[in-house]
Amino acid sequence: MRTLTRHRRWLIPVLTALVLLAVAAPVFADDPDPVAMVNDTNTSLNILWMLIGGFLVFFMQAGFALVETGFTRAKNVAHTMMMNMMVFCIGAVGYFATGFAFQFGGVNFTWPDINGLGEWAHSPVTLGSWVDAAGNALLATPLIAIGQHGILGGSGFFLMGLGGSTGILAFFLFQMVFMDTAATIPTGSMAERLKFTGFVLMGLWVSMFIYPMVGGWVWGGGWLQNLGRTMGLGNGAVDFAGSGVVHTIGGAVALAGAIVIGPRIGRFNKDGSANAIPGHNIPMGVLGTIILFFGWFGFNPASSLGFVGGFGALAVNAAINTLLAGAFGGVAAMVYMWVVSPAKKPDPGLSVNGILAGLVAITAPCAFVDAISASIIGIIGGVLVCLVTVWLEQLKIDDAVGAVPVHFANGIWGVIAVGLFANGNPNTAGWNGVGSTVTGLFYGGGFGQLGAQLFEAVAIAVVVAGLSYVFFLGVKAIGHLRSDVEHELQGLDIPEMGTLGYPKDFEPSTEAVREALKGAKAGATVPASGD
């Protein structure tokens, strides 16, 4: 027995070594390029990281549904929930058809040298080579471009010709859920009086045209992204995860929609004073906020589009700053309402919106700033959301859930914050084809980066709000924007959806009850349904 034990001491290591050699030998013999294997593994890890982030962003749809439904009235629950569910489906269809092509159809186009900066394509470097089997570049066809100013992409409609690129398909999913976040925002500002047909048209407007066009200016190789190369404004417009692209676009549509559709019945009095219209379920709204906060850890960190090397460092920095800005935003709003505002109470609704405001504001600068700056950005966002809420009331603009203060105002603030607080992170060198790091005014970057950020904020706000205002006027003219007065007063669930969000429990008729009781007294079995 002792001899067998001694033999086992060397037998097991020897057998293990033989197995490893047997497995490894074919690898060394057949693999032509170990470096290619490493690169493929890195690409796969980057794609996996981005997909996980995309799945978390999709789950944010549940958060939006709970927040919007909780902070509106019970008589509209089915209608509000239905909008938050179907905006994803409608948006996915629209983005698949034209949106992705308009936004990213020219992202892989190689812009020629300008100002000695060399050639440059804005496609991600983390997701593999974007070429077809013949070696032709994919997503490299701008539909409209003036010089080096891209306006609209022109390839990738219905994902045609892209099925062989895993990186592009994963990128489509990730970008689609971002677009749907923007499309969800206006349903909050127009809640409780928006016709469902008008909602469908709005979903198509956002997913098929306005979001893709303007978003492509910043992320798809468009003119704002190229401002660093064409005009020497820092690294061009920089928006890491979408304070401008997602939230300002969504907020601008929400603002235009709220203005055109008008306030809910009874929201404002003849003397201009406002009446509060409380939501029916604060716990639902708070739960939705917690889900949104959780989902933001996919929204921001995964916008690195990779986790290998410096991209992982950007992702971790984004995660920490997202945490801090959201927390400080919530505390700032709570303290402002508790100490400064006339209410002198830590208002739950505005505390919720303070958290969301801090998260929106940090979305653009999350990878480019340090923890202290992220905290300051969140604090300003939390106070700003309270101020803008009051300003909207003074302007008699009815925003049912505070979508405009949260997303529009703080989206703009987040875009500008990059130009102020970006600290020259070494991992940002070469961003948008400019060799320098992304550096803001407060860290010695001068006014160049701030100028690019102001271009982005103004361009998005003016173009999206202006065109959406015209769009909603058209929808209103054909009678599909606002629900009928009777329907609004009754609640939109039955007139629009045909069912109540909170139906009463079914009760049998008096006759059925009488028969059941009679049968029970006689000792008979109560008949089953259908007997």
Protein backbone atom coordinates (compact mmCIF):
# COMPACT_ATOMS: atom_id res chain seq x y z
CA MET A 1 0.00 0.00 0.00
CA ARG A 2 2.86 2.38 0.89
CA THR A 3 4.56 1.53 -2.42
CA LEU A 4 1.40 2.40 -4.36
CA THR A 5 1.10 5.68 -2.48
CA ARG A 6 4.71 6.57 -3.31
CA HIS A 7 4.08 5.77 -6.96
CA ARG A 8 0.98 8.00 -6.99
CA ARG A 9 3.10 10.95 -5.91
CA TRP A 10 4.93 10.96 -9.23
CA LEU A 11 2.39 9.11 -11.37
CA ILE A 12 -0.32 11.80 -11.24
CA PRO A 13 2.01 14.70 -12.26
CA VAL A 14 3.47 12.64 -15.09
CA LEU A 15 0.02 11.69 -16.45
CA THR A 16 -1.10 15.30 -16.18
CA ALA A 17 1.94 16.45 -18.15
CA LEU A 18 1.32 13.82 -20.84
CA VAL A 19 -2.31 14.93 -21.22
CA LEU A 20 -1.27 18.59 -21.51
CA LEU A 21 1.34 17.71 -24.13
CA ALA A 22 -1.20 15.69 -26.09
CA VAL A 23 -3.63 18.61 -26.07
CA ALA A 24 -1.02 21.27 -26.70
CA ALA A 25 0.84 19.54 -29.50
CA PRO A 26 -1.86 20.05 -32.15
CA VAL A 27 -2.13 23.71 -31.13
CA PHE A 28 1.57 24.35 -31.63
CA ALA A 29 1.55 22.34 -34.83
CA ASP A 30 -1.59 23.74 -36.47
CA ASP A 31 -2.11 27.29 -35.21
CA PRO A 32 -0.53 29.67 -37.72
CA ASP A 33 -0.61 32.83 -35.62
CA PRO A 34 -0.74 32.87 -31.81
CA VAL A 35 -1.00 36.66 -31.92
CA ALA A 36 -4.21 36.35 -33.95
CA MET A 37 -5.61 34.04 -31.26
CA VAL A 38 -4.87 36.63 -28.58
CA ASN A 39 -6.45 39.39 -30.66
CA ASP A 40 -9.53 37.26 -31.28
CA THR A 41 -9.84 36.56 -27.55
CA ASN A 42 -9.52 40.27 -26.75
CA THR A 43 -12.20 41.11 -29.31
CA SER A 44 -14.49 38.44 -27.91
CA LEU A 45 -14.06 39.78 -24.37
CA ASN A 46 -14.80 43.30 -25.57
CA ILE A 47 -17.95 42.15 -27.38
CA LEU A 48 -19.09 40.19 -24.33
CA TRP A 49 -18.57 43.23 -22.11
CA MET A 50 -20.60 45.41 -24.47
CA LEU A 51 -23.41 42.85 -24.74
CA ILE A 52 -23.71 42.58 -20.95
CA GLY A 53 -23.94 46.36 -20.77
CA GLY A 54 -26.60 46.33 -23.49
CA PHE A 55 -28.67 43.80 -21.56
CA LEU A 56 -28.52 46.02 -18.46
CA VAL A 57 -29.61 49.05 -20.50
CA PHE A 58 -32.55 47.05 -21.84
CA PHE A 59 -33.57 46.25 -18.26
CA MET A 60 -33.76 50.01 -17.63
CA GLN A 61 -36.99 49.89 -19.63
CA ALA A 62 -38.58 48.31 -16.56
CA GLY A 63 -37.31 51.18 -14.45
CA PHE A 64 -38.75 53.80 -16.77
CA ALA A 65 -42.09 51.98 -16.80
CA LEU A 66 -42.29 51.91 -13.01
CA VAL A 67 -41.19 55.53 -12.55
CA GLU A 68 -43.61 56.92 -15.13
CA THR A 69 -46.51 54.77 -13.97
CA GLY A 70 -45.91 55.33 -10.27
CA PHE A 71 -45.78 59.11 -10.62
CA THR A 72 -48.96 59.33 -12.70
CA ARG A 73 -52.56 58.52 -11.80
CA ALA A 74 -54.11 55.08 -11.36
CA LYS A 75 -56.69 55.66 -14.09
CA ASN A 76 -53.91 55.68 -16.73
CA VAL A 77 -51.82 52.73 -15.53
CA ALA A 78 -52.50 50.36 -18.45
CA HIS A 79 -51.91 53.14 -21.00
CA THR A 80 -48.64 54.29 -19.42
CA MET A 81 -47.32 50.75 -19.01
CA MET A 82 -48.28 49.89 -22.58
CA MET A 83 -46.36 52.89 -23.92
CA ASN A 84 -43.25 51.91 -21.97
CA MET A 85 -43.44 48.34 -23.22
CA MET A 86 -44.26 49.02 -26.85
CA VAL A 87 -41.80 51.89 -27.30
CA PHE A 88 -39.07 49.27 -27.17
CA CYS A 89 -40.70 47.10 -29.83
CA ILE A 90 -41.66 50.01 -32.10
CA GLY A 91 -38.23 51.57 -31.63
CA ALA A 92 -36.45 48.31 -32.44
CA VAL A 93 -38.38 47.96 -35.70
CA GLY A 94 -37.71 51.55 -36.73
CA TYR A 95 -34.03 51.44 -35.80
CA PHE A 96 -33.56 48.15 -37.64
CA ALA A 97 -35.18 49.56 -40.77
CA THR A 98 -33.48 52.95 -41.11
CA GLY A 99 -32.19 54.27 -37.79
CA PHE A 100 -28.96 52.31 -37.50
CA ALA A 101 -28.05 53.07 -41.12
CA PHE A 102 -28.70 56.81 -40.75
CA GLN A 103 -26.69 56.96 -37.52
CA PHE A 104 -23.76 54.63 -38.25
CA GLY A 105 -23.87 53.99 -41.99
CA GLY A 106 -20.75 56.15 -42.44
CA VAL A 107 -18.94 55.54 -39.14
CA ASN A 108 -16.29 53.35 -40.81
CA PHE A 109 -15.64 55.82 -43.63
CA THR A 110 -12.01 56.94 -43.67
CA TRP A 111 -11.82 60.72 -43.63
CA PRO A 112 -8.75 62.08 -45.47
CA ASP A 113 -5.90 63.89 -43.77
CA ILE A 114 -6.71 67.39 -42.55
CA ASN A 115 -4.53 69.82 -40.63
CA GLY A 116 -1.76 67.23 -40.49
CA LEU A 117 -3.81 64.82 -38.36
CA GLY A 118 -3.73 61.96 -40.88
CA GLU A 119 -6.56 59.78 -42.12
CA TRP A 120 -9.18 58.69 -39.63
CA ALA A 121 -12.24 56.45 -39.31
CA HIS A 122 -14.48 56.77 -36.25
CA SER A 123 -15.45 53.08 -36.05
CA PRO A 124 -14.59 51.36 -32.73
CA VAL A 125 -11.14 49.74 -32.56
CA THR A 126 -12.29 47.23 -29.92
CA LEU A 127 -14.78 45.17 -31.91
CA GLY A 128 -12.70 43.55 -34.63
CA SER A 129 -12.23 44.42 -38.28
CA TRP A 130 -15.35 45.79 -39.97
CA VAL A 131 -14.82 44.43 -43.49
CA ASP A 132 -16.69 41.91 -45.61
CA ALA A 133 -15.27 38.67 -47.07
CA ALA A 134 -13.81 40.59 -50.00
CA GLY A 135 -12.05 43.06 -47.72
CA ASN A 136 -14.42 45.96 -48.40
CA ALA A 137 -15.15 48.28 -45.49
CA LEU A 138 -18.61 47.96 -43.93
CA LEU A 139 -20.65 50.94 -42.71
CA ALA A 140 -18.41 53.23 -44.76
CA THR A 141 -20.97 55.12 -46.88
CA PRO A 142 -22.02 58.60 -45.77
CA LEU A 143 -25.34 59.48 -47.38
CA ILE A 144 -24.89 63.22 -46.85
CA ALA A 145 -21.53 64.84 -46.13
CA ILE A 146 -20.13 68.31 -46.78
CA GLY A 147 -16.36 68.13 -46.81
CA GLN A 148 -15.44 66.41 -43.56
CA HIS A 149 -18.81 67.25 -42.03
CA GLY A 150 -20.88 64.07 -41.97
CA ILE A 151 -24.64 64.66 -41.79
CA LEU A 152 -26.32 61.28 -42.42
CA GLY A 153 -25.17 57.69 -42.86
CA GLY A 154 -26.20 55.68 -45.88
CA SER A 155 -25.55 51.94 -45.41
CA GLY A 156 -26.76 49.13 -43.17
CA PHE A 157 -30.50 49.46 -43.76
CA PHE A 158 -32.24 46.36 -42.31
CA LEU A 159 -28.68 45.20 -41.38
CA MET A 160 -28.25 44.10 -44.99
CA GLY A 161 -24.74 42.86 -45.70
CA LEU A 162 -23.69 42.99 -42.05
CA GLY A 163 -24.61 39.48 -40.87
CA GLY A 164 -21.03 38.22 -41.12
CA SER A 165 -19.64 40.69 -38.60
CA THR A 166 -20.16 39.69 -34.98
CA GLY A 167 -18.77 43.00 -33.79
CA ILE A 168 -21.24 45.04 -35.86
CA LEU A 169 -24.23 42.92 -34.83
CA ALA A 170 -23.34 43.32 -31.14
CA PHE A 171 -22.79 47.03 -31.73
CA PHE A 172 -26.27 47.27 -33.28
CA LEU A 173 -27.89 45.75 -30.19
CA PHE A 174 -25.99 48.08 -27.88
CA GLN A 175 -26.86 51.20 -29.87
CA MET A 176 -30.48 50.14 -30.32
CA VAL A 177 -31.16 49.99 -26.58
CA PHE A 178 -29.58 53.44 -26.19
CA MET A 179 -31.94 54.80 -28.84
CA ASP A 180 -34.89 53.25 -27.05
CA THR A 181 -33.92 55.05 -23.86
CA ALA A 182 -34.21 58.34 -25.75
CA ALA A 183 -37.55 57.27 -27.26
CA THR A 184 -38.94 56.45 -23.81
CA ILE A 185 -38.28 59.90 -22.34
CA PRO A 186 -41.09 61.81 -24.17
CA THR A 187 -43.74 59.36 -22.97
CA GLY A 188 -43.19 60.77 -19.49
CA SER A 189 -43.60 64.43 -20.35
CA MET A 190 -46.81 63.80 -22.35
CA ALA A 191 -48.25 61.12 -20.08
CA GLU A 192 -51.97 61.04 -19.23
CA ARG A 193 -53.15 62.85 -22.38
CA LEU A 194 -51.16 61.43 -25.32
CA LYS A 195 -53.16 59.40 -27.83
CA PHE A 196 -51.74 55.95 -28.44
CA THR A 197 -51.64 56.58 -32.18
CA GLY A 198 -49.65 59.74 -31.52
CA PHE A 199 -47.31 57.72 -29.30
CA VAL A 200 -46.71 55.21 -32.12
CA LEU A 201 -45.89 58.01 -34.55
CA MET A 202 -43.55 59.58 -32.00
CA GLY A 203 -41.74 56.27 -31.50
CA LEU A 204 -41.13 55.98 -35.23
CA TRP A 205 -40.03 59.63 -35.48
CA VAL A 206 -37.38 59.12 -32.81
CA SER A 207 -36.14 55.69 -33.87
CA MET A 208 -36.12 56.13 -37.64
CA PHE A 209 -34.92 59.70 -38.11
CA ILE A 210 -34.35 62.39 -35.50
CA TYR A 211 -32.30 60.38 -33.00
CA PRO A 212 -30.22 58.59 -35.67
CA MET A 213 -29.44 61.77 -37.60
CA VAL A 214 -28.40 63.91 -34.64
CA GLY A 215 -26.82 61.03 -32.73
CA GLY A 216 -24.68 60.29 -35.78
CA TRP A 217 -23.26 63.80 -35.62
CA VAL A 218 -21.58 62.86 -32.32
CA TRP A 219 -21.05 59.07 -32.49
CA GLY A 220 -21.33 58.13 -36.17
CA GLY A 221 -18.43 60.12 -37.62
CA GLY A 222 -20.52 63.26 -38.03
CA TRP A 223 -19.60 66.93 -38.09
CA LEU A 224 -19.68 67.48 -34.31
CA GLN A 225 -17.37 64.52 -33.75
CA ASN A 226 -14.96 65.98 -36.34
CA LEU A 227 -14.75 69.47 -34.82
CA GLY A 228 -11.35 68.71 -33.34
CA ARG A 229 -9.96 67.78 -36.75
CA THR A 230 -11.71 70.45 -38.81
CA MET A 231 -11.73 73.45 -36.45
CA GLY A 232 -9.15 72.56 -33.80
CA LEU A 233 -11.74 72.47 -30.99
CA GLY A 234 -10.16 70.03 -28.56
CA ASN A 235 -10.97 66.43 -29.47
CA GLY A 236 -14.24 67.42 -31.12
CA ALA A 237 -17.57 66.87 -29.40
CA VAL A 238 -17.01 64.19 -26.76
CA ASP A 239 -19.97 62.40 -25.18
CA PHE A 240 -18.87 59.13 -23.59
CA ALA A 241 -22.27 57.54 -22.94
CA GLY A 242 -24.86 60.03 -24.12
CA SER A 243 -25.77 63.02 -21.93
CA GLY A 244 -26.25 64.77 -25.25
CA VAL A 245 -26.92 61.97 -27.71
CA VAL A 246 -29.45 60.09 -25.57
CA HIS A 247 -30.75 62.38 -22.87
CA THR A 248 -30.70 65.81 -24.50
CA ILE A 249 -32.25 64.37 -27.66
CA GLY A 250 -34.95 62.56 -25.67
CA GLY A 251 -35.47 65.60 -23.46
CA ALA A 252 -35.74 67.96 -26.44
CA VAL A 253 -38.43 65.75 -27.99
CA ALA A 254 -40.16 65.65 -24.60
CA LEU A 255 -40.08 69.45 -24.30
CA ALA A 256 -41.46 70.01 -27.80
CA GLY A 257 -44.18 67.44 -27.21
CA ALA A 258 -45.21 68.91 -23.86
CA ILE A 259 -45.49 72.40 -25.37
CA VAL A 260 -47.57 71.34 -28.38
CA ILE A 261 -49.86 68.91 -26.55
CA GLY A 262 -50.58 71.37 -23.74
CA PRO A 263 -51.10 70.78 -20.00
CA ARG A 264 -53.39 68.21 -18.45
CA ILE A 265 -56.89 69.38 -17.57
CA GLY A 266 -56.80 71.21 -14.25
CA ARG A 267 -53.00 71.47 -14.03
CA PHE A 268 -53.02 75.29 -14.10
CA ASN A 269 -55.56 77.80 -12.81
CA LYS A 270 -56.73 80.94 -14.59
CA ASP A 271 -54.53 83.08 -12.33
CA GLY A 272 -51.47 81.13 -13.51
CA SER A 273 -50.99 79.14 -10.32
CA ALA A 274 -50.27 75.43 -10.60
CA ASN A 275 -52.08 72.49 -9.04
CA ALA A 276 -50.06 69.44 -8.06
CA ILE A 277 -51.26 66.18 -9.63
CA PRO A 278 -49.79 63.49 -7.35
CA GLY A 279 -48.81 60.10 -8.65
CA HIS A 280 -50.71 57.11 -7.36
CA ASN A 281 -47.83 54.90 -6.18
CA ILE A 282 -44.62 56.35 -4.72
CA PRO A 283 -43.13 52.91 -3.89
CA MET A 284 -43.46 51.95 -7.57
CA GLY A 285 -41.62 55.11 -8.60
CA VAL A 286 -38.85 54.58 -6.07
CA LEU A 287 -38.39 50.95 -7.14
CA GLY A 288 -38.16 52.08 -10.74
CA THR A 289 -35.44 54.56 -9.79
CA ILE A 290 -33.40 51.84 -8.10
CA ILE A 291 -33.68 49.71 -11.25
CA LEU A 292 -32.58 52.66 -13.38
CA PHE A 293 -29.60 53.31 -11.10
CA PHE A 294 -28.60 49.66 -11.45
CA GLY A 295 -29.00 49.75 -15.22
CA TRP A 296 -26.81 52.84 -15.45
CA PHE A 297 -23.85 50.64 -14.53
CA GLY A 298 -24.33 49.09 -17.95
CA PHE A 299 -25.19 52.38 -19.65
CA ASN A 300 -22.00 54.23 -18.72
CA PRO A 301 -19.17 51.72 -18.12
CA ALA A 302 -20.02 49.55 -21.14
CA SER A 303 -19.80 52.61 -23.39
CA SER A 304 -16.06 51.98 -23.35
CA LEU A 305 -17.02 49.32 -25.95
CA GLY A 306 -14.31 47.12 -24.51
CA PHE A 307 -12.64 45.99 -21.31
CA VAL A 308 -9.17 44.99 -22.44
CA GLY A 309 -6.28 47.35 -21.69
CA GLY A 310 -7.02 51.05 -21.28
CA PHE A 311 -10.67 50.51 -22.14
CA GLY A 312 -11.12 48.61 -18.90
CA ALA A 313 -9.62 51.54 -16.99
CA LEU A 314 -12.11 53.89 -18.65
CA ALA A 315 -14.97 51.54 -17.78
CA VAL A 316 -14.02 51.30 -14.09
CA ASN A 317 -13.59 55.07 -13.84
CA ALA A 318 -17.01 55.49 -15.44
CA ALA A 319 -18.59 53.08 -12.96
CA ILE A 320 -17.21 54.85 -9.88
CA ASN A 321 -18.18 58.28 -11.18
CA THR A 322 -21.67 57.04 -12.05
CA LEU A 323 -22.13 55.83 -8.49
CA LEU A 324 -20.93 59.10 -6.97
CA ALA A 325 -22.83 61.48 -9.23
CA GLY A 326 -26.11 59.61 -8.77
CA ALA A 327 -25.69 59.55 -5.00
CA PHE A 328 -24.68 63.20 -4.70
CA GLY A 329 -27.48 64.22 -7.07
CA GLY A 330 -30.07 62.53 -4.88
CA VAL A 331 -28.69 64.03 -1.68
CA ALA A 332 -28.45 67.51 -3.23
CA ALA A 333 -32.08 67.46 -4.39
CA MET A 334 -33.29 66.11 -1.06
CA VAL A 335 -31.38 68.77 0.93
CA TYR A 336 -32.50 71.55 -1.41
CA MET A 337 -36.17 70.64 -1.01
CA TRP A 338 -35.74 70.09 2.74
CA VAL A 339 -33.77 73.24 3.57
CA VAL A 340 -34.06 75.79 0.75
CA SER A 341 -37.42 75.31 -0.96
CA PRO A 342 -40.66 76.73 0.50
CA ALA A 343 -41.93 73.17 1.08
CA LYS A 344 -39.22 72.46 3.68
CA LYS A 345 -39.73 68.72 3.19
CA PRO A 346 -37.43 66.08 1.62
CA ASP A 347 -39.79 65.55 -1.31
CA PRO A 348 -39.68 61.89 -2.55
CA GLY A 349 -40.51 62.80 -6.15
CA LEU A 350 -37.79 65.40 -6.51
CA SER A 351 -35.32 63.26 -4.56
CA VAL A 352 -35.93 60.54 -7.15
CA ASN A 353 -35.42 63.04 -9.95
CA GLY A 354 -32.28 64.32 -8.23
CA ILE A 355 -30.76 60.86 -8.43
CA LEU A 356 -31.69 60.58 -12.10
CA ALA A 357 -30.39 64.10 -12.77
CA GLY A 358 -27.00 63.25 -11.32
CA LEU A 359 -26.87 60.08 -13.42
CA VAL A 360 -27.84 61.94 -16.59
CA ALA A 361 -25.29 64.69 -15.96
CA ILE A 362 -22.38 62.28 -15.44
CA THR A 363 -23.20 60.21 -18.52
CA ALA A 364 -21.10 62.31 -20.93
CA PRO A 365 -18.08 62.99 -18.67
CA CYS A 366 -18.05 59.76 -16.64
CA ALA A 367 -14.80 58.38 -18.14
CA PHE A 368 -13.03 61.73 -18.40
CA VAL A 369 -13.27 63.17 -14.87
CA ASP A 370 -12.10 62.28 -11.37
CA ALA A 371 -14.23 61.39 -8.36
CA ILE A 372 -14.34 64.91 -6.89
CA SER A 373 -15.47 66.38 -10.20
CA ALA A 374 -18.12 63.66 -10.55
CA SER A 375 -19.47 64.57 -7.13
CA ILE A 376 -19.65 68.27 -8.03
CA ILE A 377 -21.38 67.45 -11.33
CA GLY A 378 -23.95 65.37 -9.44
CA ILE A 379 -24.59 68.09 -6.84
CA ILE A 380 -25.21 70.71 -9.52
CA GLY A 381 -27.48 68.28 -11.35
CA GLY A 382 -29.53 67.61 -8.23
CA VAL A 383 -30.14 71.31 -7.58
CA LEU A 384 -30.69 72.08 -11.26
CA VAL A 385 -33.54 69.57 -11.55
CA CYS A 386 -35.40 71.30 -8.70
CA LEU A 387 -34.94 74.75 -10.24
CA VAL A 388 -35.99 73.73 -13.74
CA THR A 389 -39.09 72.00 -12.37
CA VAL A 390 -40.22 75.32 -10.89
CA TRP A 391 -39.31 77.25 -14.05
CA LEU A 392 -41.43 74.93 -16.19
CA GLU A 393 -44.41 75.50 -13.90
CA GLN A 394 -43.93 79.26 -14.22
CA LEU A 395 -43.97 78.84 -18.01
CA LYS A 396 -47.14 76.71 -17.71
CA ILE A 397 -45.47 73.72 -19.34
CA ASP A 398 -46.87 70.50 -17.89
CA ASP A 399 -44.31 67.72 -17.66
CA ALA A 400 -46.04 64.84 -15.90
CA VAL A 401 -42.94 63.11 -14.49
CA GLY A 402 -40.17 65.72 -14.81
CA ALA A 403 -38.61 64.34 -18.00
CA VAL A 404 -37.47 67.77 -19.20
CA PRO A 405 -35.68 68.85 -15.97
CA VAL A 406 -34.02 65.44 -15.65
CA HIS A 407 -33.03 64.67 -19.23
CA PHE A 408 -33.01 67.91 -21.21
CA ALA A 409 -31.57 70.31 -18.62
CA ASN A 410 -29.12 67.85 -17.12
CA GLY A 411 -28.23 66.35 -20.47
CA ILE A 412 -27.04 69.80 -21.54
CA TRP A 413 -25.25 70.26 -18.22
CA GLY A 414 -23.47 66.91 -18.63
CA VAL A 415 -22.26 67.79 -22.14
CA ILE A 416 -20.87 71.13 -20.95
CA ALA A 417 -19.27 69.52 -17.89
CA VAL A 418 -16.88 67.59 -20.15
CA GLY A 419 -15.45 70.89 -21.40
CA LEU A 420 -14.92 72.05 -17.82
CA PHE A 421 -13.86 69.01 -15.78
CA ALA A 422 -12.14 66.57 -18.21
CA ASN A 423 -8.76 65.92 -16.59
CA GLY A 424 -6.59 64.73 -19.47
CA ASN A 425 -6.85 61.01 -18.72
CA PRO A 426 -3.95 59.38 -20.66
CA ASN A 427 -6.32 56.70 -21.94
CA THR A 428 -8.19 59.36 -23.94
CA ALA A 429 -5.23 60.30 -26.12
CA GLY A 430 -6.18 60.10 -29.80
CA TRP A 431 -9.92 60.46 -29.13
CA ASN A 432 -11.78 61.30 -32.34
CA GLY A 433 -8.54 61.28 -34.33
CA VAL A 434 -6.83 64.05 -32.36
CA GLY A 435 -3.56 63.10 -30.67
CA SER A 436 -4.10 65.04 -27.45
CA THR A 437 -6.04 63.85 -24.42
CA VAL A 438 -9.55 65.08 -23.61
CA THR A 439 -8.87 68.05 -21.32
CA GLY A 440 -11.30 70.65 -20.03
CA LEU A 441 -10.96 74.29 -19.07
CA PHE A 442 -10.35 73.68 -15.36
CA TYR A 443 -7.43 71.33 -16.11
CA GLY A 444 -5.49 73.53 -18.50
CA GLY A 445 -7.23 72.54 -21.71
CA GLY A 446 -8.28 76.08 -22.60
CA PHE A 447 -11.55 76.84 -24.31
CA GLY A 448 -11.18 74.40 -27.23
CA GLN A 449 -12.91 71.40 -25.70
CA LEU A 450 -15.49 73.61 -24.03
CA GLY A 451 -16.24 75.15 -27.42
CA ALA A 452 -16.84 71.73 -28.98
CA GLN A 453 -19.15 70.79 -26.12
CA LEU A 454 -21.15 74.00 -26.49
CA PHE A 455 -21.52 73.27 -30.21
CA GLU A 456 -22.95 69.85 -29.33
CA ALA A 457 -25.34 71.13 -26.67
CA VAL A 458 -26.72 73.96 -28.80
CA ALA A 459 -26.95 71.90 -32.01
CA ILE A 460 -28.87 69.08 -30.34
CA ALA A 461 -31.21 71.35 -28.37
CA VAL A 462 -32.08 73.62 -31.28
CA VAL A 463 -32.33 71.06 -34.09
CA VAL A 464 -34.13 68.32 -32.15
CA ALA A 465 -36.54 70.60 -30.30
CA GLY A 466 -37.23 72.66 -33.43
CA LEU A 467 -37.86 69.75 -35.80
CA SER A 468 -39.83 67.83 -33.17
CA TYR A 469 -42.00 70.88 -32.55
CA VAL A 470 -42.91 70.91 -36.23
CA PHE A 471 -43.46 67.14 -36.17
CA PHE A 472 -45.88 67.34 -33.22
CA LEU A 473 -47.75 70.20 -34.85
CA GLY A 474 -48.29 67.91 -37.83
CA VAL A 475 -49.51 65.06 -35.63
CA LYS A 476 -51.82 67.49 -33.85
CA ALA A 477 -53.19 68.77 -37.17
CA ILE A 478 -54.30 65.28 -38.21
CA GLY A 479 -55.97 64.69 -34.85
CA HIS A 480 -53.64 62.05 -33.43
CA LEU A 481 -51.75 63.89 -30.68
CA ARG A 482 -54.06 64.55 -27.75
CA SER A 483 -56.77 62.32 -26.36
CA ASP A 484 -60.38 63.47 -26.21
CA VAL A 485 -61.41 65.52 -23.18
CA GLU A 486 -63.88 62.85 -22.06
CA HIS A 487 -61.21 60.16 -22.31
CA GLU A 488 -58.68 62.19 -20.36
CA LEU A 489 -61.17 62.83 -17.57
CA GLN A 490 -62.23 59.19 -17.45
CA GLY A 491 -58.68 57.91 -17.71
CA LEU A 492 -57.07 56.51 -20.85
CA ASP A 493 -57.12 52.85 -19.82
CA ILE A 494 -60.61 51.91 -21.05
CA PRO A 495 -60.93 54.32 -24.02
CA GLU A 496 -57.43 53.65 -25.39
CA MET A 497 -56.50 50.20 -24.09
CA GLY A 498 -59.87 48.56 -23.50
CA THR A 499 -58.87 47.39 -20.05
CA LEU A 500 -58.10 48.81 -16.63
CA GLY A 501 -54.63 48.71 -15.18
CA TYR A 502 -56.19 47.86 -11.82
CA PRO A 503 -59.44 46.02 -12.61
CA LYS A 504 -61.79 45.13 -9.80
CA ASP A 505 -61.86 41.50 -8.80
CA PHE A 506 -64.52 39.50 -10.63
CA GLU A 507 -67.61 38.90 -8.54
CA PRO A 508 -70.37 36.45 -9.62
CA SER A 509 -73.82 37.79 -10.29
CA THR A 510 -76.52 37.83 -7.63
CA GLU A 511 -78.31 34.99 -9.38
CA ALA A 512 -75.16 32.85 -9.49
CA VAL A 513 -74.55 33.48 -5.79
CA ARG A 514 -78.17 32.57 -4.97
CA GLU A 515 -77.95 29.31 -6.91
CA ALA A 516 -74.64 28.44 -5.26
CA LEU A 517 -76.04 29.03 -1.79
CA LYS A 518 -79.17 27.06 -2.59
CA GLY A 519 -77.06 24.16 -3.78
CA ALA A 520 -74.90 24.32 -0.69
CA LYS A 521 -77.93 24.13 1.59
CA ALA A 522 -79.19 21.14 -0.32
CA GLY A 523 -75.81 19.47 0.03
CA ALA A 524 -75.17 19.59 -3.70
CA THR A 525 -71.79 20.25 -5.28
CA VAL A 526 -71.37 23.72 -6.75
CA PRO A 527 -71.29 23.21 -10.54
CA ALA A 528 -68.02 23.88 -12.34
CA SER A 529 -67.84 26.62 -14.93
CA GLY A 530 -69.36 25.47 -18.20
CA ASP A 531 -71.39 22.61 -16.66
